[in-house]
Amino acid sequence: MNNISLKTAFRFFIRKPLLPRLNPKRLSLGIACFLVISLYLYQENTYETAFKEHDRIFRIEENFLSMGSIACSSSNVAQRIVDFPNVEVHTRVNSYGGKVKFELDE
């Protein structure tokens, strides 16, 4: 019984030699894509969970000249944030020449 299945597999490999080489590559590509997507989802779901009351942390983004949203905000946000009474503490993150600068305002 085993001899027949080996003969069939050998004949299949002889007739279509490219297919047995593609299947391991496809499998490894599928596993790699699964791992990358899983790591991305894990990072997104555990973002800032080390802080207590992490469900109360929000990030404000600005639309900049219709080029998309950016997380660095202008100084006007600090002046406008006082109009929202629900905000207890806020900070600004700016990037100047590759250095990140944090400003904590209470």
N, C-alpha and C. Protein backbone atom coordinates (compact mmCIF):
# COMPACT_ATOMS: atom_id res chain seq x y z
N MET A 1 0.83 -1.19 0.00
CA MET A 1 0.00 0.00 0.00
C MET A 1 0.87 1.26 0.00
N ASN A 2 1.91 1.25 0.83
CA ASN A 2 2.80 2.40 0.87
C ASN A 2 3.54 2.57 -0.44
N ASN A 3 3.88 1.48 -1.07
CA ASN A 3 4.63 1.51 -2.32
C ASN A 3 3.83 2.20 -3.41
N ILE A 4 2.53 2.01 -3.44
CA ILE A 4 1.69 2.62 -4.45
C ILE A 4 1.62 4.14 -4.25
N SER A 5 1.47 4.58 -3.03
CA SER A 5 1.40 6.02 -2.80
C SER A 5 2.74 6.70 -3.08
N LEU A 6 3.85 6.03 -2.80
CA LEU A 6 5.16 6.60 -3.14
C LEU A 6 5.36 6.70 -4.64
N LYS A 7 4.89 5.68 -5.37
CA LYS A 7 4.98 5.73 -6.83
C LYS A 7 4.16 6.89 -7.38
N THR A 8 2.96 7.05 -6.85
CA THR A 8 2.09 8.13 -7.30
C THR A 8 2.71 9.49 -7.01
N ALA A 9 3.27 9.66 -5.82
CA ALA A 9 3.91 10.92 -5.47
C ALA A 9 5.12 11.18 -6.36
N PHE A 10 5.92 10.16 -6.61
CA PHE A 10 7.10 10.31 -7.45
C PHE A 10 6.70 10.70 -8.87
N ARG A 11 5.66 10.06 -9.42
CA ARG A 11 5.19 10.40 -10.76
C ARG A 11 4.67 11.83 -10.81
N PHE A 12 3.98 12.25 -9.76
CA PHE A 12 3.47 13.62 -9.69
C PHE A 12 4.62 14.62 -9.68
N PHE A 13 5.66 14.33 -8.91
CA PHE A 13 6.83 15.23 -8.86
C PHE A 13 7.55 15.29 -10.20
N ILE A 14 7.55 14.17 -10.93
CA ILE A 14 8.21 14.14 -12.24
C ILE A 14 7.40 14.97 -13.24
N ARG A 15 6.07 14.83 -13.22
CA ARG A 15 5.23 15.54 -14.18
C ARG A 15 5.20 17.05 -13.91
N LYS A 16 5.12 17.46 -12.64
CA LYS A 16 5.03 18.88 -12.28
C LYS A 16 6.12 19.20 -11.26
N PRO A 17 7.34 19.44 -11.70
CA PRO A 17 8.45 19.63 -10.76
C PRO A 17 8.41 20.97 -10.00
N LEU A 18 7.69 21.95 -10.52
CA LEU A 18 7.66 23.26 -9.87
C LEU A 18 6.74 23.28 -8.65
N LEU A 19 5.68 22.52 -8.70
CA LEU A 19 4.68 22.56 -7.63
C LEU A 19 5.21 22.15 -6.26
N PRO A 20 5.98 21.08 -6.12
CA PRO A 20 6.49 20.75 -4.78
C PRO A 20 7.44 21.79 -4.21
N ARG A 21 8.08 22.57 -5.06
CA ARG A 21 8.98 23.62 -4.58
C ARG A 21 8.19 24.85 -4.14
N LEU A 22 7.05 25.11 -4.77
CA LEU A 22 6.26 26.28 -4.43
C LEU A 22 5.50 26.13 -3.13
N ASN A 23 5.01 24.96 -2.85
CA ASN A 23 4.18 24.77 -1.66
C ASN A 23 4.89 25.13 -0.36
N PRO A 24 6.13 24.71 -0.11
CA PRO A 24 6.80 25.15 1.13
C PRO A 24 7.04 26.66 1.18
N LYS A 25 7.29 27.26 0.02
CA LYS A 25 7.48 28.71 -0.02
C LYS A 25 6.17 29.43 0.30
N ARG A 26 5.07 28.93 -0.23
CA ARG A 26 3.78 29.53 0.07
C ARG A 26 3.42 29.36 1.54
N LEU A 27 3.71 28.21 2.08
CA LEU A 27 3.43 27.96 3.49
C LEU A 27 4.25 28.89 4.38
N SER A 28 5.53 29.03 4.09
CA SER A 28 6.37 29.91 4.90
C SER A 28 5.95 31.37 4.74
N LEU A 29 5.54 31.77 3.55
CA LEU A 29 5.04 33.14 3.35
C LEU A 29 3.75 33.37 4.13
N GLY A 30 2.88 32.40 4.13
CA GLY A 30 1.63 32.51 4.89
C GLY A 30 1.89 32.60 6.38
N ILE A 31 2.80 31.80 6.90
CA ILE A 31 3.13 31.85 8.33
C ILE A 31 3.77 33.19 8.68
N ALA A 32 4.65 33.69 7.82
CA ALA A 32 5.30 34.98 8.07
C ALA A 32 4.27 36.11 8.08
N CYS A 33 3.33 36.11 7.15
CA CYS A 33 2.28 37.13 7.12
C CYS A 33 1.41 37.04 8.38
N PHE A 34 1.08 35.82 8.79
CA PHE A 34 0.29 35.64 10.01
C PHE A 34 1.01 36.20 11.23
N LEU A 35 2.32 35.94 11.33
CA LEU A 35 3.08 36.43 12.48
C LEU A 35 3.17 37.96 12.49
N VAL A 36 3.39 38.55 11.33
CA VAL A 36 3.49 40.02 11.26
C VAL A 36 2.16 40.67 11.64
N ILE A 37 1.06 40.14 11.12
CA ILE A 37 -0.25 40.69 11.44
C ILE A 37 -0.57 40.49 12.92
N SER A 38 -0.22 39.32 13.46
CA SER A 38 -0.47 39.05 14.88
C SER A 38 0.32 40.00 15.78
N LEU A 39 1.59 40.24 15.45
CA LEU A 39 2.40 41.16 16.24
C LEU A 39 1.86 42.59 16.16
N TYR A 40 1.42 42.99 15.00
CA TYR A 40 0.84 44.33 14.85
C TYR A 40 -0.42 44.47 15.69
N LEU A 41 -1.31 43.47 15.64
CA LEU A 41 -2.54 43.53 16.43
C LEU A 41 -2.25 43.49 17.92
N TYR A 42 -1.26 42.72 18.33
CA TYR A 42 -0.89 42.66 19.74
C TYR A 42 -0.39 44.03 20.21
N GLN A 43 0.45 44.67 19.42
CA GLN A 43 0.99 45.97 19.79
C GLN A 43 -0.13 47.02 19.86
N GLU A 44 -1.06 46.98 18.93
CA GLU A 44 -2.16 47.95 18.94
C GLU A 44 -3.08 47.74 20.13
N ASN A 45 -3.29 46.50 20.54
CA ASN A 45 -4.22 46.23 21.64
C ASN A 45 -3.59 46.42 23.01
N THR A 46 -2.27 46.43 23.11
CA THR A 46 -1.62 46.59 24.40
C THR A 46 -0.92 47.94 24.52
N TYR A 47 -1.28 48.88 23.67
CA TYR A 47 -0.65 50.21 23.68
C TYR A 47 -1.03 50.95 24.95
N GLU A 48 -0.05 51.37 25.71
CA GLU A 48 -0.19 52.15 26.94
C GLU A 48 -0.99 51.44 28.04
N THR A 49 -1.02 50.13 28.03
CA THR A 49 -1.74 49.42 29.10
C THR A 49 -0.91 49.32 30.36
N ALA A 50 0.34 49.74 30.34
CA ALA A 50 1.18 49.70 31.53
C ALA A 50 0.80 50.80 32.52
N PHE A 51 0.14 51.84 32.02
CA PHE A 51 -0.28 52.94 32.89
C PHE A 51 -1.58 52.59 33.58
N LYS A 52 -1.71 53.01 34.83
CA LYS A 52 -3.01 52.83 35.46
C LYS A 52 -3.97 53.84 34.85
N GLU A 53 -5.22 53.48 34.80
CA GLU A 53 -6.27 54.25 34.14
C GLU A 53 -5.92 54.53 32.67
N HIS A 54 -5.39 53.53 32.01
CA HIS A 54 -4.99 53.70 30.62
C HIS A 54 -6.17 53.93 29.69
N ASP A 55 -7.36 53.58 30.14
CA ASP A 55 -8.54 53.82 29.30
C ASP A 55 -8.93 55.29 29.25
N ARG A 56 -8.28 56.12 30.04
CA ARG A 56 -8.57 57.56 30.06
C ARG A 56 -7.51 58.37 29.30
N ILE A 57 -6.60 57.69 28.61
CA ILE A 57 -5.56 58.37 27.85
C ILE A 57 -6.02 58.50 26.39
N PHE A 58 -5.92 59.70 25.85
CA PHE A 58 -6.31 59.94 24.47
C PHE A 58 -5.20 60.69 23.75
N ARG A 59 -5.19 60.55 22.46
CA ARG A 59 -4.20 61.24 21.64
C ARG A 59 -4.93 62.12 20.64
N ILE A 60 -4.54 63.37 20.58
CA ILE A 60 -5.14 64.32 19.65
C ILE A 60 -4.24 64.42 18.43
N GLU A 61 -4.85 64.31 17.26
CA GLU A 61 -4.09 64.46 16.02
C GLU A 61 -4.64 65.65 15.26
N GLU A 62 -3.78 66.27 14.46
CA GLU A 62 -4.18 67.40 13.65
C GLU A 62 -4.06 67.04 12.18
N ASN A 63 -4.99 67.52 11.38
CA ASN A 63 -4.86 67.40 9.93
C ASN A 63 -4.01 68.57 9.45
N PHE A 64 -2.93 68.26 8.77
CA PHE A 64 -1.97 69.28 8.37
C PHE A 64 -1.99 69.45 6.86
N LEU A 65 -2.58 70.53 6.40
CA LEU A 65 -2.62 70.89 4.98
C LEU A 65 -3.08 69.74 4.09
N SER A 66 -4.08 69.03 4.53
CA SER A 66 -4.67 67.88 3.83
C SER A 66 -3.63 66.82 3.44
N MET A 67 -2.54 66.73 4.20
CA MET A 67 -1.53 65.70 3.95
C MET A 67 -1.71 64.51 4.88
N GLY A 68 -2.75 64.52 5.68
CA GLY A 68 -2.96 63.44 6.62
C GLY A 68 -2.83 63.94 8.04
N SER A 69 -3.10 63.06 8.98
CA SER A 69 -3.05 63.47 10.38
C SER A 69 -1.68 63.22 10.96
N ILE A 70 -1.25 64.12 11.83
CA ILE A 70 0.04 63.99 12.50
C ILE A 70 -0.20 64.11 14.00
N ALA A 71 0.63 63.46 14.78
CA ALA A 71 0.47 63.48 16.24
C ALA A 71 1.15 64.68 16.87
N CYS A 72 2.14 65.28 16.23
CA CYS A 72 2.76 66.49 16.76
C CYS A 72 1.79 67.63 16.61
N SER A 73 1.58 68.36 17.66
CA SER A 73 0.58 69.42 17.63
C SER A 73 1.24 70.79 17.77
N SER A 74 0.53 71.79 17.36
CA SER A 74 1.05 73.15 17.47
C SER A 74 0.81 73.68 18.87
N SER A 75 1.36 74.84 19.15
CA SER A 75 1.20 75.43 20.49
C SER A 75 -0.22 75.92 20.72
N ASN A 76 -1.01 76.07 19.69
CA ASN A 76 -2.39 76.52 19.85
C ASN A 76 -3.25 75.49 20.57
N VAL A 77 -2.89 74.23 20.48
CA VAL A 77 -3.67 73.18 21.14
C VAL A 77 -3.62 73.37 22.65
N ALA A 78 -2.48 73.76 23.18
CA ALA A 78 -2.36 73.97 24.63
C ALA A 78 -3.26 75.12 25.09
N GLN A 79 -3.45 76.12 24.26
CA GLN A 79 -4.32 77.23 24.62
C GLN A 79 -5.79 76.88 24.45
N ARG A 80 -6.10 76.03 23.49
CA ARG A 80 -7.49 75.65 23.23
C ARG A 80 -7.98 74.51 24.12
N ILE A 81 -7.08 73.75 24.70
CA ILE A 81 -7.47 72.58 25.49
C ILE A 81 -8.16 72.99 26.79
N VAL A 82 -7.92 74.22 27.24
CA VAL A 82 -8.57 74.69 28.48
C VAL A 82 -10.07 74.89 28.29
N ASP A 83 -10.54 74.93 27.05
CA ASP A 83 -11.97 75.05 26.78
C ASP A 83 -12.72 73.75 27.05
N PHE A 84 -12.00 72.66 27.25
CA PHE A 84 -12.61 71.36 27.51
C PHE A 84 -12.44 71.02 28.99
N PRO A 85 -13.50 71.07 29.78
CA PRO A 85 -13.36 70.84 31.22
C PRO A 85 -13.04 69.39 31.59
N ASN A 86 -13.25 68.45 30.71
CA ASN A 86 -12.97 67.04 31.01
C ASN A 86 -11.49 66.72 31.01
N VAL A 87 -10.67 67.57 30.42
CA VAL A 87 -9.24 67.32 30.34
C VAL A 87 -8.60 67.71 31.67
N GLU A 88 -7.97 66.74 32.32
CA GLU A 88 -7.33 67.01 33.61
C GLU A 88 -5.87 67.44 33.43
N VAL A 89 -5.13 66.68 32.63
CA VAL A 89 -3.71 66.95 32.38
C VAL A 89 -3.46 66.70 30.90
N HIS A 90 -2.63 67.53 30.30
CA HIS A 90 -2.27 67.29 28.91
C HIS A 90 -0.79 67.57 28.72
N THR A 91 -0.25 67.00 27.66
CA THR A 91 1.15 67.20 27.33
C THR A 91 1.27 67.33 25.82
N ARG A 92 2.32 67.98 25.38
CA ARG A 92 2.61 68.11 23.96
C ARG A 92 3.87 67.34 23.64
N VAL A 93 3.89 66.74 22.48
CA VAL A 93 5.07 66.03 22.00
C VAL A 93 5.47 66.68 20.69
N ASN A 94 6.67 67.21 20.65
CA ASN A 94 7.20 67.85 19.45
C ASN A 94 8.50 67.17 19.06
N SER A 95 8.78 67.19 17.80
CA SER A 95 10.03 66.63 17.30
C SER A 95 10.79 67.74 16.57
N TYR A 96 11.91 68.14 17.13
CA TYR A 96 12.75 69.16 16.53
C TYR A 96 14.10 68.56 16.17
N GLY A 97 14.37 68.41 14.90
CA GLY A 97 15.67 67.90 14.46
C GLY A 97 16.00 66.51 14.98
N GLY A 98 15.01 65.65 15.07
CA GLY A 98 15.24 64.28 15.52
C GLY A 98 15.16 64.09 17.02
N LYS A 99 15.08 65.18 17.79
CA LYS A 99 14.96 65.07 19.24
C LYS A 99 13.50 65.26 19.63
N VAL A 100 13.03 64.43 20.54
CA VAL A 100 11.64 64.52 20.98
C VAL A 100 11.59 65.35 22.25
N LYS A 101 10.65 66.28 22.29
CA LYS A 101 10.51 67.20 23.42
C LYS A 101 9.11 67.04 24.01
N PHE A 102 9.03 66.83 25.31
CA PHE A 102 7.76 66.69 26.02
C PHE A 102 7.52 67.95 26.85
N GLU A 103 6.31 68.45 26.78
CA GLU A 103 5.93 69.60 27.60
C GLU A 103 4.70 69.20 28.40
N LEU A 104 4.79 69.15 29.71
CA LEU A 104 3.67 68.78 30.56
C LEU A 104 3.01 70.03 31.09
N ASP A 105 1.73 70.19 30.79
CA ASP A 105 0.96 71.34 31.26
C ASP A 105 -0.20 70.82 32.10
N GLU A 106 -0.41 71.40 33.25
CA GLU A 106 -1.52 70.99 34.10
C GLU A 106 -2.50 72.11 34.25
